[in-house]
């Protein structure tokens, strides 16, 4: 199966909005991916890891006096 993922990072002046969109051939295929692979939970986990990574990067830059 093929599907398209689009991720948009929008600068909100000190904050970032992330829009993550998945386009599937049909609603049934989307539902199957969620049901069979837990894609909805995986996305939540991925965004949490991204948040942790970004916080660590900001902390490291602050520690180095970069930011």
PDB file of N, CA and C in Angstrom:
ATOM      1  N   UNK A   1       0.838  -1.173   0.000  1.00  0.00           N
ATOM      2  CA  UNK A   1       0.000   0.000   0.000  1.00  0.00           C
ATOM      3  C   UNK A   1       0.884   1.238   0.000  1.00  0.00           C
ATOM      4  N   UNK A   2       0.440   2.241  -0.692  1.00  0.00           N
ATOM      5  CA  UNK A   2       1.146   3.516  -0.710  1.00  0.00           C
ATOM      6  C   UNK A   2       0.259   4.592  -0.105  1.00  0.00           C
ATOM      7  N   UNK A   3       0.892   5.511   0.622  1.00  0.00           N
ATOM      8  CA  UNK A   3       0.195   6.670   1.139  1.00  0.00           C
ATOM      9  C   UNK A   3       1.210   7.792   1.279  1.00  0.00           C
ATOM     10  N   UNK A   4       0.712   8.992   1.391  1.00  0.00           N
ATOM     11  CA  UNK A   4       1.581  10.166   1.450  1.00  0.00           C
ATOM     12  C   UNK A   4       1.505  10.789   2.845  1.00  0.00           C
ATOM     13  N   UNK A   5       2.669  11.108   3.391  1.00  0.00           N
ATOM     14  CA  UNK A   5       2.754  11.824   4.662  1.00  0.00           C
ATOM     15  C   UNK A   5       3.279  13.228   4.372  1.00  0.00           C
ATOM     16  N   UNK A   6       2.605  14.224   4.893  1.00  0.00           N
ATOM     17  CA  UNK A   6       3.045  15.614   4.756  1.00  0.00           C
ATOM     18  C   UNK A   6       3.182  16.189   6.154  1.00  0.00           C
ATOM     19  N   UNK A   7       4.364  16.751   6.443  1.00  0.00           N
ATOM     20  CA  UNK A   7       4.610  17.357   7.745  1.00  0.00           C
ATOM     21  C   UNK A   7       4.991  18.812   7.508  1.00  0.00           C
ATOM     22  N   UNK A   8       4.268  19.711   8.169  1.00  0.00           N
ATOM     23  CA  UNK A   8       4.516  21.146   8.021  1.00  0.00           C
ATOM     24  C   UNK A   8       4.932  21.695   9.374  1.00  0.00           C
ATOM     25  N   UNK A   9       6.060  22.412   9.413  1.00  0.00           N
ATOM     26  CA  UNK A   9       6.534  23.080  10.612  1.00  0.00           C
ATOM     27  C   UNK A   9       6.286  24.570  10.422  1.00  0.00           C
ATOM     28  N   UNK A  10       5.512  25.163  11.311  1.00  0.00           N
ATOM     29  CA  UNK A  10       5.140  26.576  11.195  1.00  0.00           C
ATOM     30  C   UNK A  10       5.686  27.347  12.395  1.00  0.00           C
ATOM     31  N   UNK A  11       6.502  28.375  12.113  1.00  0.00           N
ATOM     32  CA  UNK A  11       7.083  29.221  13.152  1.00  0.00           C
ATOM     33  C   UNK A  11       6.017  30.145  13.716  1.00  0.00           C
ATOM     34  N   UNK A  12       5.798  30.058  15.026  1.00  0.00           N
ATOM     35  CA  UNK A  12       4.823  30.912  15.691  1.00  0.00           C
ATOM     36  C   UNK A  12       5.525  31.917  16.608  1.00  0.00           C
ATOM     37  N   UNK A  13       6.784  32.253  16.295  1.00  0.00           N
ATOM     38  CA  UNK A  13       7.522  33.215  17.101  1.00  0.00           C
ATOM     39  C   UNK A  13       7.894  32.651  18.464  1.00  0.00           C
ATOM     40  N   UNK A  14       8.808  31.713  18.493  1.00  0.00           N
ATOM     41  CA  UNK A  14       9.221  31.096  19.745  1.00  0.00           C
ATOM     42  C   UNK A  14       8.560  29.754  20.008  1.00  0.00           C
ATOM     43  N   UNK A  15       7.555  29.437  19.224  1.00  0.00           N
ATOM     44  CA  UNK A  15       6.877  28.150  19.301  1.00  0.00           C
ATOM     45  C   UNK A  15       6.722  27.626  17.882  1.00  0.00           C
ATOM     46  N   UNK A  16       6.503  26.348  17.769  1.00  0.00           N
ATOM     47  CA  UNK A  16       6.346  25.742  16.445  1.00  0.00           C
ATOM     48  C   UNK A  16       5.070  24.917  16.420  1.00  0.00           C
ATOM     49  N   UNK A  17       4.272  25.140  15.387  1.00  0.00           N
ATOM     50  CA  UNK A  17       3.091  24.296  15.155  1.00  0.00           C
ATOM     51  C   UNK A  17       3.488  23.241  14.133  1.00  0.00           C
ATOM     52  N   UNK A  18       3.147  21.995  14.434  1.00  0.00           N
ATOM     53  CA  UNK A  18       3.405  20.889  13.517  1.00  0.00           C
ATOM     54  C   UNK A  18       2.055  20.383  13.021  1.00  0.00           C
ATOM     55  N   UNK A  19       1.909  20.337  11.709  1.00  0.00           N
ATOM     56  CA  UNK A  19       0.734  19.744  11.091  1.00  0.00           C
ATOM     57  C   UNK A  19       1.204  18.487  10.376  1.00  0.00           C
ATOM     58  N   UNK A  20       0.645  17.348  10.754  1.00  0.00           N
ATOM     59  CA  UNK A  20       1.055  16.057  10.196  1.00  0.00           C
ATOM     60  C   UNK A  20      -0.165  15.457   9.521  1.00  0.00           C
ATOM     61  N   UNK A  21      -0.065  15.235   8.240  1.00  0.00           N
ATOM     62  CA  UNK A  21      -1.212  14.748   7.481  1.00  0.00           C
ATOM     63  C   UNK A  21      -0.832  13.463   6.752  1.00  0.00           C
ATOM     64  N   UNK A  22      -1.712  12.489   6.841  1.00  0.00           N
ATOM     65  CA  UNK A  22      -1.531  11.246   6.103  1.00  0.00           C
ATOM     66  C   UNK A  22      -2.670  11.093   5.109  1.00  0.00           C
ATOM     67  N   UNK A  23      -2.328  10.957   3.850  1.00  0.00           N
ATOM     68  CA  UNK A  23      -3.330  10.768   2.803  1.00  0.00           C
ATOM     69  C   UNK A  23      -3.275   9.318   2.323  1.00  0.00           C
ATOM     70  N   UNK A  24      -4.374   8.619   2.531  1.00  0.00           N
ATOM     71  CA  UNK A  24      -4.482   7.216   2.162  1.00  0.00           C
ATOM     72  C   UNK A  24      -5.418   7.077   0.971  1.00  0.00           C
ATOM     73  N   UNK A  25      -5.281   5.993   0.217  1.00  0.00           N
ATOM     74  CA  UNK A  25      -6.151   5.801  -0.955  1.00  0.00           C
ATOM     75  C   UNK A  25      -7.640   5.787  -0.593  1.00  0.00           C
ATOM     76  N   UNK A  26      -7.969   5.209   0.575  1.00  0.00           N
ATOM     77  CA  UNK A  26      -9.368   5.145   1.015  1.00  0.00           C
ATOM     78  C   UNK A  26      -9.417   5.260   2.539  1.00  0.00           C
ATOM     79  N   UNK A  27     -10.575   5.596   3.048  1.00  0.00           N
ATOM     80  CA  UNK A  27     -10.774   5.629   4.500  1.00  0.00           C
ATOM     81  C   UNK A  27     -10.594   4.229   5.089  1.00  0.00           C
ATOM     82  N   UNK A  28     -11.006   3.224   4.345  1.00  0.00           N
ATOM     83  CA  UNK A  28     -10.865   1.844   4.822  1.00  0.00           C
ATOM     84  C   UNK A  28      -9.392   1.476   5.007  1.00  0.00           C
ATOM     85  N   UNK A  29      -8.535   1.907   4.083  1.00  0.00           N
ATOM     86  CA  UNK A  29      -7.095   1.641   4.205  1.00  0.00           C
ATOM     87  C   UNK A  29      -6.518   2.368   5.411  1.00  0.00           C
ATOM     88  N   UNK A  30      -6.936   3.617   5.622  1.00  0.00           N
ATOM     89  CA  UNK A  30      -6.478   4.368   6.789  1.00  0.00           C
ATOM     90  C   UNK A  30      -6.887   3.640   8.068  1.00  0.00           C
ATOM     91  N   UNK A  31      -8.131   3.223   8.126  1.00  0.00           N
ATOM     92  CA  UNK A  31      -8.629   2.516   9.306  1.00  0.00           C
ATOM     93  C   UNK A  31      -7.879   1.211   9.540  1.00  0.00           C
ATOM     94  N   UNK A  32      -7.544   0.525   8.459  1.00  0.00           N
ATOM     95  CA  UNK A  32      -6.802  -0.740   8.572  1.00  0.00           C
ATOM     96  C   UNK A  32      -5.412  -0.504   9.141  1.00  0.00           C
ATOM     97  N   UNK A  33      -4.734   0.544   8.673  1.00  0.00           N
ATOM     98  CA  UNK A  33      -3.388   0.852   9.163  1.00  0.00           C
ATOM     99  C   UNK A  33      -3.438   1.209  10.656  1.00  0.00           C
ATOM    100  N   UNK A  34      -4.455   1.947  11.040  1.00  0.00           N
ATOM    101  CA  UNK A  34      -4.614   2.282  12.463  1.00  0.00           C
ATOM    102  C   UNK A  34      -4.886   1.011  13.271  1.00  0.00           C
ATOM    103  N   UNK A  35      -5.795   0.188  12.791  1.00  0.00           N
ATOM    104  CA  UNK A  35      -6.180  -1.034  13.504  1.00  0.00           C
ATOM    105  C   UNK A  35      -5.040  -2.052  13.557  1.00  0.00           C
ATOM    106  N   UNK A  36      -4.425  -2.340  12.403  1.00  0.00           N
ATOM    107  CA  UNK A  36      -3.433  -3.413  12.326  1.00  0.00           C
ATOM    108  C   UNK A  36      -2.066  -3.015  12.857  1.00  0.00           C
ATOM    109  N   UNK A  37      -1.696  -1.752  12.708  1.00  0.00           N
ATOM    110  CA  UNK A  37      -0.341  -1.330  13.065  1.00  0.00           C
ATOM    111  C   UNK A  37      -0.300  -0.317  14.216  1.00  0.00           C
ATOM    112  N   UNK A  38      -1.446   0.124  14.700  1.00  0.00           N
ATOM    113  CA  UNK A  38      -1.455   1.106  15.777  1.00  0.00           C
ATOM    114  C   UNK A  38      -0.827   2.421  15.354  1.00  0.00           C
ATOM    115  N   UNK A  39      -1.064   2.818  14.118  1.00  0.00           N
ATOM    116  CA  UNK A  39      -0.424   4.017  13.568  1.00  0.00           C
ATOM    117  C   UNK A  39      -0.774   5.278  14.348  1.00  0.00           C
ATOM    118  N   UNK A  40      -1.970   5.342  14.892  1.00  0.00           N
ATOM    119  CA  UNK A  40      -2.353   6.514  15.675  1.00  0.00           C
ATOM    120  C   UNK A  40      -1.502   6.630  16.940  1.00  0.00           C
ATOM    121  N   UNK A  41      -1.287   5.512  17.613  1.00  0.00           N
ATOM    122  CA  UNK A  41      -0.447   5.507  18.810  1.00  0.00           C
ATOM    123  C   UNK A  41       1.011   5.756  18.436  1.00  0.00           C
ATOM    124  N   UNK A  42       1.434   5.214  17.322  1.00  0.00           N
ATOM    125  CA  UNK A  42       2.807   5.435  16.852  1.00  0.00           C
ATOM    126  C   UNK A  42       3.086   6.897  16.571  1.00  0.00           C
ATOM    127  N   UNK A  43       2.111   7.588  15.996  1.00  0.00           N
ATOM    128  CA  UNK A  43       2.286   9.010  15.717  1.00  0.00           C
ATOM    129  C   UNK A  43       2.421   9.797  17.011  1.00  0.00           C
ATOM    130  N   UNK A  44       1.608   9.474  18.005  1.00  0.00           N
ATOM    131  CA  UNK A  44       1.698  10.151  19.306  1.00  0.00           C
ATOM    132  C   UNK A  44       3.079   9.923  19.913  1.00  0.00           C
ATOM    133  N   UNK A  45       3.571   8.684  19.844  1.00  0.00           N
ATOM    134  CA  UNK A  45       4.898   8.377  20.386  1.00  0.00           C
ATOM    135  C   UNK A  45       5.994   9.099  19.616  1.00  0.00           C
ATOM    136  N   UNK A  46       5.879   9.160  18.317  1.00  0.00           N
ATOM    137  CA  UNK A  46       6.867   9.851  17.489  1.00  0.00           C
ATOM    138  C   UNK A  46       6.920  11.332  17.835  1.00  0.00           C
ATOM    139  N   UNK A  47       5.768  11.960  17.973  1.00  0.00           N
ATOM    140  CA  UNK A  47       5.740  13.386  18.308  1.00  0.00           C
ATOM    141  C   UNK A  47       6.275  13.630  19.711  1.00  0.00           C
ATOM    142  N   UNK A  48       6.033  12.720  20.635  1.00  0.00           N
ATOM    143  CA  UNK A  48       6.584  12.852  21.986  1.00  0.00           C
ATOM    144  C   UNK A  48       8.112  12.769  21.949  1.00  0.00           C
ATOM    145  N   UNK A  49       8.645  11.827  21.179  1.00  0.00           N
ATOM    146  CA  UNK A  49      10.114  11.716  21.052  1.00  0.00           C
ATOM    147  C   UNK A  49      10.696  12.952  20.387  1.00  0.00           C
ATOM    148  N   UNK A  50      10.007  13.491  19.385  1.00  0.00           N
ATOM    149  CA  UNK A  50      10.468  14.711  18.737  1.00  0.00           C
ATOM    150  C   UNK A  50      10.493  15.860  19.743  1.00  0.00           C
ATOM    151  N   UNK A  51       9.456  15.972  20.566  1.00  0.00           N
ATOM    152  CA  UNK A  51       9.423  17.005  21.591  1.00  0.00           C
ATOM    153  C   UNK A  51      10.570  16.860  22.577  1.00  0.00           C
ATOM    154  N   UNK A  52      10.843  15.627  23.000  1.00  0.00           N
ATOM    155  CA  UNK A  52      11.961  15.376  23.913  1.00  0.00           C
ATOM    156  C   UNK A  52      13.290  15.756  23.266  1.00  0.00           C
ATOM    157  N   UNK A  53      13.444  15.400  22.003  1.00  0.00           N
ATOM    158  CA  UNK A  53      14.677  15.717  21.279  1.00  0.00           C
ATOM    159  C   UNK A  53      14.867  17.224  21.161  1.00  0.00           C
ATOM    160  N   UNK A  54      13.804  17.914  20.800  1.00  0.00           N
ATOM    161  CA  UNK A  54      13.906  19.370  20.646  1.00  0.00           C
ATOM    162  C   UNK A  54      14.211  20.047  21.988  1.00  0.00           C
ATOM    163  N   UNK A  55      13.615  19.563  23.067  1.00  0.00           N
ATOM    164  CA  UNK A  55      13.895  20.118  24.390  1.00  0.00           C
ATOM    165  C   UNK A  55      15.355  19.890  24.767  1.00  0.00           C
ATOM    166  N   UNK A  56      15.881  18.710  24.462  1.00  0.00           N
ATOM    167  CA  UNK A  56      17.287  18.418  24.748  1.00  0.00           C
ATOM    168  C   UNK A  56      18.204  19.310  23.920  1.00  0.00           C
ATOM    169  N   UNK A  57      17.856  19.527  22.648  1.00  0.00           N
ATOM    170  CA  UNK A  57      18.666  20.399  21.784  1.00  0.00           C
ATOM    171  C   UNK A  57      18.660  21.829  22.319  1.00  0.00           C
ATOM    172  N   UNK A  58      17.503  22.328  22.730  1.00  0.00           N
ATOM    173  CA  UNK A  58      17.400  23.689  23.260  1.00  0.00           C
ATOM    174  C   UNK A  58      18.205  23.815  24.546  1.00  0.00           C
ATOM    175  N   UNK A  59      18.126  22.808  25.396  1.00  0.00           N
ATOM    176  CA  UNK A  59      18.878  22.810  26.649  1.00  0.00           C
ATOM    177  C   UNK A  59      20.377  22.805  26.383  1.00  0.00           C
ATOM    178  N   UNK A  60      20.801  22.004  25.420  1.00  0.00           N
ATOM    179  CA  UNK A  60      22.221  21.923  25.062  1.00  0.00           C
ATOM    180  C   UNK A  60      22.714  23.257  24.510  1.00  0.00           C
ATOM    181  N   UNK A  61      21.927  23.893  23.660  1.00  0.00           N
ATOM    182  CA  UNK A  61      22.315  25.195  23.106  1.00  0.00           C
ATOM    183  C   UNK A  61      22.380  26.254  24.198  1.00  0.00           C
ATOM    184  N   UNK A  62      21.440  26.200  25.118  1.00  0.00           N
ATOM    185  CA  UNK A  62      21.433  27.149  26.223  1.00  0.00           C
ATOM    186  C   UNK A  62      22.682  26.958  27.090  1.00  0.00           C
ATOM    187  N   UNK A  63      23.014  25.688  27.361  1.00  0.00           N
ATOM    188  CA  UNK A  63      24.175  25.367  28.158  1.00  0.00           C
ATOM    189  C   UNK A  63      25.465  25.871  27.495  1.00  0.00           C
ATOM    190  N   UNK A  64      25.510  25.789  26.166  1.00  0.00           N
ATOM    191  CA  UNK A  64      26.683  26.228  25.411  1.00  0.00           C
ATOM    192  C   UNK A  64      26.660  27.735  25.162  1.00  0.00           C
ATOM    193  N   UNK A  65      25.557  28.403  25.522  1.00  0.00           N
ATOM    194  CA  UNK A  65      25.448  29.831  25.308  1.00  0.00           C
ATOM    195  C   UNK A  65      25.159  30.216  23.866  1.00  0.00           C
ATOM    196  N   UNK A  66      24.609  29.293  23.095  1.00  0.00           N
ATOM    197  CA  UNK A  66      24.308  29.528  21.691  1.00  0.00           C
ATOM    198  C   UNK A  66      23.000  30.283  21.529  1.00  0.00           C
ATOM    199  N   UNK A  67      22.028  29.939  22.340  1.00  0.00           N
ATOM    200  CA  UNK A  67      20.693  30.517  22.183  1.00  0.00           C
ATOM    201  C   UNK A  67      20.540  31.822  22.948  1.00  0.00           C
TER     202      UNK A  67
END
